[in-house]
Amino acid sequence: MSTHILIVEDEPELAETLSYNLCKEGFRTTICHSGLDALKVIEQDLDLSLVLLDLMLPDMSGIEVCRQIRMSSKSSQLAVIMVTARSEEIDRVIGFEAGADDYVVKPFSARELVLRIHAVLRRGHVQDTEQVRISLPPFVIDRAAHRVWVDDDELVLTALEFRLLTTLVTRYSQVQTRARLLEDVWDMDPNVNTRTVDKHVQRLRQKIGSAADLIETIRGVGYRLNPKEPDA
């Protein structure tokens, strides 16, 4: 079955154009013209893989829609690409902090958008060369199923939180600078002055509970995950 994409765009002509171009590339599409309608469709669980989300909607902002997607256990893993005319750096940062996987600025070519969609979808699939299941006590990560356990308790993480934790675990004991995390987890310019990494690490620590202390802050540099010492 082809990949199903939800297009959330309040301009009907643009929404239809996006749908036409995506269908030509083999995707299936559903169109919504408001944030509330989009959230209702997402709750129906129509095998959606990705949401193309306009930032400026008539009833609520795309930022709020994205936040609600990430807050729901049913949709927290759903890929989200924000599509907007706003090109300021601060808008991109806010979008990523709300949980967006990518941010595409209008006007854009259909080819560019398709490439960005494929890139985001690839992040959610395990490559053959990657270890599918990672065990580093107290963490167990199943990349294929996008699931994480801490001391046998399963966590509900957003797509970005999952990538951040997986990056720290697979590079355990190695210091990860904020710049490198911005590049590898967010695909952002490492020179951007933002608190995105720090805010996501803070949220991740809250979610992993008793394992929070294993993520060490290296002042002025970044973060390092230290493995749990085995019981004596």
Foldseek 3Di string as FASTA:
>chain_A
DAAEEEEAAQDVVVSVVLQVLVVVVPYHYDYHQALVVVVVVLVVPPNHQEYAFEQDGDPDGSLVSLLVLCVDLSRLAHAYEYEYQDDDPVVQLSSVLSPHLYYHHPPDDSVVVVVVVVVRSVLLADDPPDDQWDDFAQWIAGSHVRWIDGVNHTFRGHNLLSQVVVVQRVVAPDFDFQLNCCCRRRVDHSPDDDCSQVVSLVVSLVGNDPLSVQWDADPPGGTHGHGDDDDD
